[in-house]
PDB file of N, CA and C in Angstrom:
ATOM      1  N   MET A   1     -58.986 -15.374  18.403  1.00  0.00           N
ATOM      2  CA  MET A   1     -59.368 -14.286  19.268  1.00  0.00           C
ATOM      3  C   MET A   1     -60.386 -13.408  18.570  1.00  0.00           C
ATOM      4  N   ASN A   2     -61.291 -12.932  19.353  1.00  0.00           N
ATOM      5  CA  ASN A   2     -62.330 -12.016  18.875  1.00  0.00           C
ATOM      6  C   ASN A   2     -63.221 -12.626  17.805  1.00  0.00           C
ATOM      7  N   ASP A   3     -63.347 -13.932  17.769  1.00  0.00           N
ATOM      8  CA  ASP A   3     -64.278 -14.594  16.863  1.00  0.00           C
ATOM      9  C   ASP A   3     -65.278 -15.362  17.718  1.00  0.00           C
ATOM     10  N   PRO A   4     -66.492 -14.875  17.810  1.00  0.00           N
ATOM     11  CA  PRO A   4     -67.469 -15.539  18.678  1.00  0.00           C
ATOM     12  C   PRO A   4     -67.766 -16.979  18.260  1.00  0.00           C
ATOM     13  N   ASP A   5     -67.552 -17.313  16.973  1.00  0.00           N
ATOM     14  CA  ASP A   5     -67.784 -18.695  16.527  1.00  0.00           C
ATOM     15  C   ASP A   5     -66.778 -19.669  17.119  1.00  0.00           C
ATOM     16  N   LEU A   6     -65.590 -19.176  17.483  1.00  0.00           N
ATOM     17  CA  LEU A   6     -64.549 -20.051  18.021  1.00  0.00           C
ATOM     18  C   LEU A   6     -64.352 -19.892  19.521  1.00  0.00           C
ATOM     19  N   ALA A   7     -65.117 -19.024  20.147  1.00  0.00           N
ATOM     20  CA  ALA A   7     -64.973 -18.794  21.589  1.00  0.00           C
ATOM     21  C   ALA A   7     -65.494 -20.007  22.360  1.00  0.00           C
ATOM     22  N   LEU A   8     -64.711 -20.455  23.300  1.00  0.00           N
ATOM     23  CA  LEU A   8     -65.087 -21.610  24.119  1.00  0.00           C
ATOM     24  C   LEU A   8     -65.278 -21.226  25.581  1.00  0.00           C
ATOM     25  N   GLY A   9     -65.544 -19.981  25.833  1.00  0.00           N
ATOM     26  CA  GLY A   9     -65.718 -19.541  27.209  1.00  0.00           C
ATOM     27  C   GLY A   9     -64.392 -19.149  27.812  1.00  0.00           C
ATOM     28  N   SER A  10     -64.237 -19.451  29.075  1.00  0.00           N
ATOM     29  CA  SER A  10     -63.012 -19.107  29.786  1.00  0.00           C
ATOM     30  C   SER A  10     -62.453 -20.348  30.466  1.00  0.00           C
ATOM     31  N   LEU A  11     -61.274 -20.211  31.046  1.00  0.00           N
ATOM     32  CA  LEU A  11     -60.705 -21.341  31.786  1.00  0.00           C
ATOM     33  C   LEU A  11     -61.579 -21.691  32.983  1.00  0.00           C
ATOM     34  N   ALA A  12     -62.158 -20.680  33.590  1.00  0.00           N
ATOM     35  CA  ALA A  12     -63.010 -20.910  34.761  1.00  0.00           C
ATOM     36  C   ALA A  12     -64.366 -21.481  34.375  1.00  0.00           C
ATOM     37  N   ALA A  13     -64.848 -21.149  33.187  1.00  0.00           N
ATOM     38  CA  ALA A  13     -66.174 -21.599  32.751  1.00  0.00           C
ATOM     39  C   ALA A  13     -66.147 -21.943  31.264  1.00  0.00           C
ATOM     40  N   PRO A  14     -65.513 -23.082  30.884  1.00  0.00           N
ATOM     41  CA  PRO A  14     -65.462 -23.455  29.465  1.00  0.00           C
ATOM     42  C   PRO A  14     -66.847 -23.859  28.953  1.00  0.00           C
ATOM     43  N   ASP A  15     -67.102 -23.582  27.686  1.00  0.00           N
ATOM     44  CA  ASP A  15     -68.350 -23.965  27.027  1.00  0.00           C
ATOM     45  C   ASP A  15     -68.027 -25.062  26.019  1.00  0.00           C
ATOM     46  N   TRP A  16     -68.022 -26.305  26.475  1.00  0.00           N
ATOM     47  CA  TRP A  16     -67.605 -27.440  25.644  1.00  0.00           C
ATOM     48  C   TRP A  16     -68.573 -27.735  24.517  1.00  0.00           C
ATOM     49  N   ARG A  17     -69.782 -27.192  24.555  1.00  0.00           N
ATOM     50  CA  ARG A  17     -70.745 -27.439  23.475  1.00  0.00           C
ATOM     51  C   ARG A  17     -70.239 -26.886  22.150  1.00  0.00           C
ATOM     52  N   LYS A  18     -69.395 -25.874  22.184  1.00  0.00           N
ATOM     53  CA  LYS A  18     -68.889 -25.258  20.957  1.00  0.00           C
ATOM     54  C   LYS A  18     -67.596 -25.910  20.466  1.00  0.00           C
ATOM     55  N   ASN A  19     -67.072 -26.870  21.169  1.00  0.00           N
ATOM     56  CA  ASN A  19     -65.794 -27.478  20.809  1.00  0.00           C
ATOM     57  C   ASN A  19     -65.815 -28.111  19.419  1.00  0.00           C
ATOM     58  N   GLY A  20     -66.950 -28.569  18.966  1.00  0.00           N
ATOM     59  CA  GLY A  20     -67.050 -29.203  17.657  1.00  0.00           C
ATOM     60  C   GLY A  20     -66.729 -28.277  16.504  1.00  0.00           C
ATOM     61  N   LEU A  21     -66.895 -26.968  16.689  1.00  0.00           N
ATOM     62  CA  LEU A  21     -66.585 -26.030  15.617  1.00  0.00           C
ATOM     63  C   LEU A  21     -65.112 -26.062  15.249  1.00  0.00           C
ATOM     64  N   LEU A  22     -64.253 -26.230  16.232  1.00  0.00           N
ATOM     65  CA  LEU A  22     -62.820 -26.259  15.959  1.00  0.00           C
ATOM     66  C   LEU A  22     -62.426 -27.510  15.189  1.00  0.00           C
ATOM     67  N   GLY A  23     -63.087 -28.605  15.426  1.00  0.00           N
ATOM     68  CA  GLY A  23     -62.759 -29.860  14.771  1.00  0.00           C
ATOM     69  C   GLY A  23     -63.160 -29.931  13.314  1.00  0.00           C
ATOM     70  N   ARG A  24     -63.932 -28.965  12.830  1.00  0.00           N
ATOM     71  CA  ARG A  24     -64.357 -28.977  11.434  1.00  0.00           C
ATOM     72  C   ARG A  24     -63.237 -28.590  10.480  1.00  0.00           C
ATOM     73  N   GLU A  25     -62.227 -27.938  10.980  1.00  0.00           N
ATOM     74  CA  GLU A  25     -61.108 -27.514  10.143  1.00  0.00           C
ATOM     75  C   GLU A  25     -59.995 -28.555  10.278  1.00  0.00           C
ATOM     76  N   ALA A  26     -59.623 -29.159   9.172  1.00  0.00           N
ATOM     77  CA  ALA A  26     -58.589 -30.196   9.228  1.00  0.00           C
ATOM     78  C   ALA A  26     -57.526 -29.940   8.168  1.00  0.00           C
ATOM     79  N   LEU A  27     -56.318 -30.317   8.474  1.00  0.00           N
ATOM     80  CA  LEU A  27     -55.204 -30.189   7.541  1.00  0.00           C
ATOM     81  C   LEU A  27     -55.080 -31.510   6.805  1.00  0.00           C
ATOM     82  N   THR A  28     -55.811 -31.627   5.718  1.00  0.00           N
ATOM     83  CA  THR A  28     -55.767 -32.835   4.896  1.00  0.00           C
ATOM     84  C   THR A  28     -55.685 -32.413   3.441  1.00  0.00           C
ATOM     85  N   GLY A  29     -55.127 -33.271   2.636  1.00  0.00           N
ATOM     86  CA  GLY A  29     -55.010 -32.957   1.226  1.00  0.00           C
ATOM     87  C   GLY A  29     -54.546 -34.150   0.427  1.00  0.00           C
ATOM     88  N   PRO A  30     -54.329 -33.935  -0.861  1.00  0.00           N
ATOM     89  CA  PRO A  30     -53.979 -35.043  -1.749  1.00  0.00           C
ATOM     90  C   PRO A  30     -52.601 -35.641  -1.490  1.00  0.00           C
ATOM     91  N   HIS A  31     -51.731 -34.929  -0.788  1.00  0.00           N
ATOM     92  CA  HIS A  31     -50.378 -35.431  -0.559  1.00  0.00           C
ATOM     93  C   HIS A  31     -50.223 -36.155   0.766  1.00  0.00           C
ATOM     94  N   CYS A  32     -51.280 -36.284   1.526  1.00  0.00           N
ATOM     95  CA  CYS A  32     -51.180 -36.917   2.846  1.00  0.00           C
ATOM     96  C   CYS A  32     -50.674 -38.359   2.761  1.00  0.00           C
ATOM     97  N   ALA A  33     -51.098 -39.099   1.752  1.00  0.00           N
ATOM     98  CA  ALA A  33     -50.728 -40.511   1.654  1.00  0.00           C
ATOM     99  C   ALA A  33     -49.220 -40.700   1.502  1.00  0.00           C
ATOM    100  N   GLY A  34     -48.528 -39.781   0.874  1.00  0.00           N
ATOM    101  CA  GLY A  34     -47.097 -39.918   0.680  1.00  0.00           C
ATOM    102  C   GLY A  34     -46.258 -39.214   1.728  1.00  0.00           C
ATOM    103  N   CYS A  35     -46.898 -38.634   2.700  1.00  0.00           N
ATOM    104  CA  CYS A  35     -46.192 -37.850   3.713  1.00  0.00           C
ATOM    105  C   CYS A  35     -45.622 -38.750   4.812  1.00  0.00           C
ATOM    106  N   PRO A  36     -44.424 -38.422   5.313  1.00  0.00           N
ATOM    107  CA  PRO A  36     -43.865 -39.202   6.420  1.00  0.00           C
ATOM    108  C   PRO A  36     -44.717 -39.131   7.682  1.00  0.00           C
ATOM    109  N   LEU A  37     -45.607 -38.157   7.757  1.00  0.00           N
ATOM    110  CA  LEU A  37     -46.475 -38.020   8.929  1.00  0.00           C
ATOM    111  C   LEU A  37     -47.881 -38.571   8.691  1.00  0.00           C
ATOM    112  N   ALA A  38     -48.098 -39.264   7.578  1.00  0.00           N
ATOM    113  CA  ALA A  38     -49.426 -39.793   7.267  1.00  0.00           C
ATOM    114  C   ALA A  38     -49.953 -40.619   8.434  1.00  0.00           C
ATOM    115  N   GLY A  39     -51.151 -40.293   8.857  1.00  0.00           N
ATOM    116  CA  GLY A  39     -51.775 -41.005   9.965  1.00  0.00           C
ATOM    117  C   GLY A  39     -51.373 -40.510  11.340  1.00  0.00           C
ATOM    118  N   ARG A  40     -50.415 -39.593  11.412  1.00  0.00           N
ATOM    119  CA  ARG A  40     -49.985 -39.083  12.717  1.00  0.00           C
ATOM    120  C   ARG A  40     -49.590 -37.607  12.663  1.00  0.00           C
ATOM    121  N   CYS A  41     -50.107 -36.922  11.652  1.00  0.00           N
ATOM    122  CA  CYS A  41     -49.816 -35.499  11.476  1.00  0.00           C
ATOM    123  C   CYS A  41     -50.391 -34.697  12.639  1.00  0.00           C
ATOM    124  N   PRO A  42     -49.603 -33.798  13.211  1.00  0.00           N
ATOM    125  CA  PRO A  42     -50.125 -32.992  14.309  1.00  0.00           C
ATOM    126  C   PRO A  42     -51.109 -31.936  13.842  1.00  0.00           C
ATOM    127  N   GLY A  43     -51.166 -31.686  12.543  1.00  0.00           N
ATOM    128  CA  GLY A  43     -52.107 -30.719  12.016  1.00  0.00           C
ATOM    129  C   GLY A  43     -51.678 -29.280  12.257  1.00  0.00           C
ATOM    130  N   GLU A  44     -52.618 -28.385  12.155  1.00  0.00           N
ATOM    131  CA  GLU A  44     -52.384 -26.955  12.257  1.00  0.00           C
ATOM    132  C   GLU A  44     -53.429 -26.361  13.191  1.00  0.00           C
ATOM    133  N   CYS A  45     -53.160 -25.198  13.683  1.00  0.00           N
ATOM    134  CA  CYS A  45     -54.087 -24.489  14.547  1.00  0.00           C
ATOM    135  C   CYS A  45     -55.421 -24.321  13.812  1.00  0.00           C
ATOM    136  N   PRO A  46     -56.540 -24.750  14.393  1.00  0.00           N
ATOM    137  CA  PRO A  46     -57.832 -24.640  13.710  1.00  0.00           C
ATOM    138  C   PRO A  46     -58.184 -23.222  13.271  1.00  0.00           C
ATOM    139  N   SER A  47     -57.841 -22.229  14.058  1.00  0.00           N
ATOM    140  CA  SER A  47     -58.186 -20.866  13.645  1.00  0.00           C
ATOM    141  C   SER A  47     -57.347 -20.426  12.446  1.00  0.00           C
ATOM    142  N   ARG A  48     -56.088 -20.845  12.387  1.00  0.00           N
ATOM    143  CA  ARG A  48     -55.275 -20.504  11.205  1.00  0.00           C
ATOM    144  C   ARG A  48     -55.805 -21.215   9.966  1.00  0.00           C
ATOM    145  N   LEU A  49     -56.235 -22.456  10.107  1.00  0.00           N
ATOM    146  CA  LEU A  49     -56.813 -23.158   8.972  1.00  0.00           C
ATOM    147  C   LEU A  49     -58.070 -22.448   8.487  1.00  0.00           C
ATOM    148  N   ARG A  50     -58.849 -21.970   9.428  1.00  0.00           N
ATOM    149  CA  ARG A  50     -60.104 -21.302   9.080  1.00  0.00           C
ATOM    150  C   ARG A  50     -59.855 -19.988   8.351  1.00  0.00           C
ATOM    151  N   TYR A  51     -58.911 -19.203   8.808  1.00  0.00           N
ATOM    152  CA  TYR A  51     -58.724 -17.859   8.280  1.00  0.00           C
ATOM    153  C   TYR A  51     -57.680 -17.730   7.182  1.00  0.00           C
ATOM    154  N   ASN A  52     -56.727 -18.627   7.094  1.00  0.00           N
ATOM    155  CA  ASN A  52     -55.660 -18.478   6.106  1.00  0.00           C
ATOM    156  C   ASN A  52     -55.983 -19.105   4.765  1.00  0.00           C
ATOM    157  N   GLY A  53     -57.061 -19.839   4.669  1.00  0.00           N
ATOM    158  CA  GLY A  53     -57.500 -20.385   3.395  1.00  0.00           C
ATOM    159  C   GLY A  53     -56.567 -21.430   2.814  1.00  0.00           C
ATOM    160  N   PRO A  54     -56.747 -21.727   1.525  1.00  0.00           N
ATOM    161  CA  PRO A  54     -55.960 -22.778   0.881  1.00  0.00           C
ATOM    162  C   PRO A  54     -54.457 -22.536   0.919  1.00  0.00           C
ATOM    163  N   GLN A  55     -54.032 -21.281   0.792  1.00  0.00           N
ATOM    164  CA  GLN A  55     -52.604 -21.001   0.817  1.00  0.00           C
ATOM    165  C   GLN A  55     -52.017 -21.354   2.186  1.00  0.00           C
ATOM    166  N   GLY A  56     -52.742 -21.055   3.246  1.00  0.00           N
ATOM    167  CA  GLY A  56     -52.282 -21.376   4.591  1.00  0.00           C
ATOM    168  C   GLY A  56     -52.197 -22.868   4.813  1.00  0.00           C
ATOM    169  N   ARG A  57     -53.142 -23.615   4.270  1.00  0.00           N
ATOM    170  CA  ARG A  57     -53.102 -25.081   4.381  1.00  0.00           C
ATOM    171  C   ARG A  57     -51.872 -25.636   3.677  1.00  0.00           C
ATOM    172  N   ALA A  58     -51.624 -25.133   2.474  1.00  0.00           N
ATOM    173  CA  ALA A  58     -50.475 -25.614   1.704  1.00  0.00           C
ATOM    174  C   ALA A  58     -49.169 -25.287   2.421  1.00  0.00           C
ATOM    175  N   LEU A  59     -49.068 -24.098   2.989  1.00  0.00           N
ATOM    176  CA  LEU A  59     -47.849 -23.719   3.709  1.00  0.00           C
ATOM    177  C   LEU A  59     -47.648 -24.558   4.969  1.00  0.00           C
ATOM    178  N   ALA A  60     -48.719 -24.781   5.721  1.00  0.00           N
ATOM    179  CA  ALA A  60     -48.608 -25.595   6.938  1.00  0.00           C
ATOM    180  C   ALA A  60     -48.190 -27.017   6.587  1.00  0.00           C
ATOM    181  N   CYS A  61     -48.771 -27.555   5.537  1.00  0.00           N
ATOM    182  CA  CYS A  61     -48.431 -28.913   5.107  1.00  0.00           C
ATOM    183  C   CYS A  61     -46.971 -28.983   4.670  1.00  0.00           C
ATOM    184  N   ALA A  62     -46.542 -28.011   3.881  1.00  0.00           N
ATOM    185  CA  ALA A  62     -45.153 -27.997   3.414  1.00  0.00           C
ATOM    186  C   ALA A  62     -44.185 -27.905   4.589  1.00  0.00           C
ATOM    187  N   MET A  63     -44.518 -27.088   5.576  1.00  0.00           N
ATOM    188  CA  MET A  63     -43.648 -26.945   6.744  1.00  0.00           C
ATOM    189  C   MET A  63     -43.548 -28.268   7.513  1.00  0.00           C
ATOM    190  N   LEU A  64     -44.678 -28.903   7.760  1.00  0.00           N
ATOM    191  CA  LEU A  64     -44.666 -30.158   8.515  1.00  0.00           C
ATOM    192  C   LEU A  64     -43.942 -31.265   7.751  1.00  0.00           C
ATOM    193  N   ARG A  65     -44.152 -31.317   6.446  1.00  0.00           N
ATOM    194  CA  ARG A  65     -43.456 -32.326   5.633  1.00  0.00           C
ATOM    195  C   ARG A  65     -41.950 -32.089   5.677  1.00  0.00           C
ATOM    196  N   ALA A  66     -41.542 -30.833   5.570  1.00  0.00           N
ATOM    197  CA  ALA A  66     -40.114 -30.505   5.599  1.00  0.00           C
ATOM    198  C   ALA A  66     -39.491 -30.882   6.937  1.00  0.00           C
ATOM    199  N   LEU A  67     -40.215 -30.686   8.009  1.00  0.00           N
ATOM    200  CA  LEU A  67     -39.699 -31.050   9.324  1.00  0.00           C
ATOM    201  C   LEU A  67     -39.607 -32.560   9.505  1.00  0.00           C
ATOM    202  N   ALA A  68     -40.532 -33.293   8.886  1.00  0.00           N
ATOM    203  CA  ALA A  68     -40.567 -34.753   9.059  1.00  0.00           C
ATOM    204  C   ALA A  68     -39.603 -35.484   8.138  1.00  0.00           C
ATOM    205  N   GLN A  69     -39.260 -34.910   6.994  1.00  0.00           N
ATOM    206  CA  GLN A  69     -38.422 -35.618   6.020  1.00  0.00           C
ATOM    207  C   GLN A  69     -37.053 -36.025   6.557  1.00  0.00           C
ATOM    208  N   PRO A  70     -36.336 -35.173   7.289  1.00  0.00           N
ATOM    209  CA  PRO A  70     -35.044 -35.631   7.812  1.00  0.00           C
ATOM    210  C   PRO A  70     -35.183 -36.826   8.760  1.00  0.00           C
ATOM    211  N   LEU A  71     -36.255 -36.852   9.514  1.00  0.00           N
ATOM    212  CA  LEU A  71     -36.473 -37.996  10.403  1.00  0.00           C
ATOM    213  C   LEU A  71     -36.713 -39.264   9.600  1.00  0.00           C
ATOM    214  N   ALA A  72     -37.534 -39.160   8.572  1.00  0.00           N
ATOM    215  CA  ALA A  72     -37.830 -40.317   7.735  1.00  0.00           C
ATOM    216  C   ALA A  72     -36.579 -40.780   6.994  1.00  0.00           C
ATOM    217  N   ALA A  73     -35.740 -39.831   6.559  1.00  0.00           N
ATOM    218  CA  ALA A  73     -34.508 -40.174   5.840  1.00  0.00           C
ATOM    219  C   ALA A  73     -33.544 -40.970   6.717  1.00  0.00           C
ATOM    220  N   HIS A  74     -33.579 -40.727   8.005  1.00  0.00           N
ATOM    221  CA  HIS A  74     -32.699 -41.435   8.941  1.00  0.00           C
ATOM    222  C   HIS A  74     -33.388 -42.640   9.567  1.00  0.00           C
ATOM    223  N   GLY A  75     -34.600 -42.935   9.107  1.00  0.00           N
ATOM    224  CA  GLY A  75     -35.319 -44.093   9.622  1.00  0.00           C
ATOM    225  C   GLY A  75     -35.839 -43.916  11.027  1.00  0.00           C
ATOM    226  N   GLU A  76     -35.901 -42.675  11.490  1.00  0.00           N
ATOM    227  CA  GLU A  76     -36.415 -42.429  12.847  1.00  0.00           C
ATOM    228  C   GLU A  76     -37.923 -42.339  12.815  1.00  0.00           C
ATOM    229  N   ASN A  77     -38.505 -42.597  13.949  1.00  0.00           N
ATOM    230  CA  ASN A  77     -39.956 -42.548  14.082  1.00  0.00           C
ATOM    231  C   ASN A  77     -40.376 -41.080  14.194  1.00  0.00           C
ATOM    232  N   ALA A  78     -40.996 -40.558  13.141  1.00  0.00           N
ATOM    233  CA  ALA A  78     -41.420 -39.151  13.134  1.00  0.00           C
ATOM    234  C   ALA A  78     -42.456 -38.881  14.208  1.00  0.00           C
ATOM    235  N   HIS A  79     -43.246 -39.884  14.559  1.00  0.00           N
ATOM    236  CA  HIS A  79     -44.270 -39.681  15.578  1.00  0.00           C
ATOM    237  C   HIS A  79     -43.668 -39.420  16.949  1.00  0.00           C
ATOM    238  N   ALA A  80     -42.601 -40.103  17.269  1.00  0.00           N
ATOM    239  CA  ALA A  80     -41.992 -39.937  18.577  1.00  0.00           C
ATOM    240  C   ALA A  80     -41.369 -38.562  18.727  1.00  0.00           C
ATOM    241  N   SER A  81     -40.935 -37.959  17.629  1.00  0.00           N
ATOM    242  CA  SER A  81     -40.286 -36.666  17.689  1.00  0.00           C
ATOM    243  C   SER A  81     -41.225 -35.501  17.421  1.00  0.00           C
ATOM    244  N   ALA A  82     -42.403 -35.770  16.883  1.00  0.00           N
ATOM    245  CA  ALA A  82     -43.341 -34.702  16.509  1.00  0.00           C
ATOM    246  C   ALA A  82     -44.073 -34.163  17.706  1.00  0.00           C
TER     247      ALA A  82
END
């Protein structure tokens, strides 16, 4: 909110040309390969990734890993539940 770089217009008149700006922020890191959500991580809100910096990325990753670990421990498909 209130960031013109991330504004996509309105519901009535979306500006899809700016949609690529949101995709530049990704939740990736060195621990992705060992994560139960590797290849199917839902990621984090692009604006939070943009503004919260490295600490926010680490916290989001830790939260998602913690949520996925019980599923992986029981052999359940984390993707179906995520």
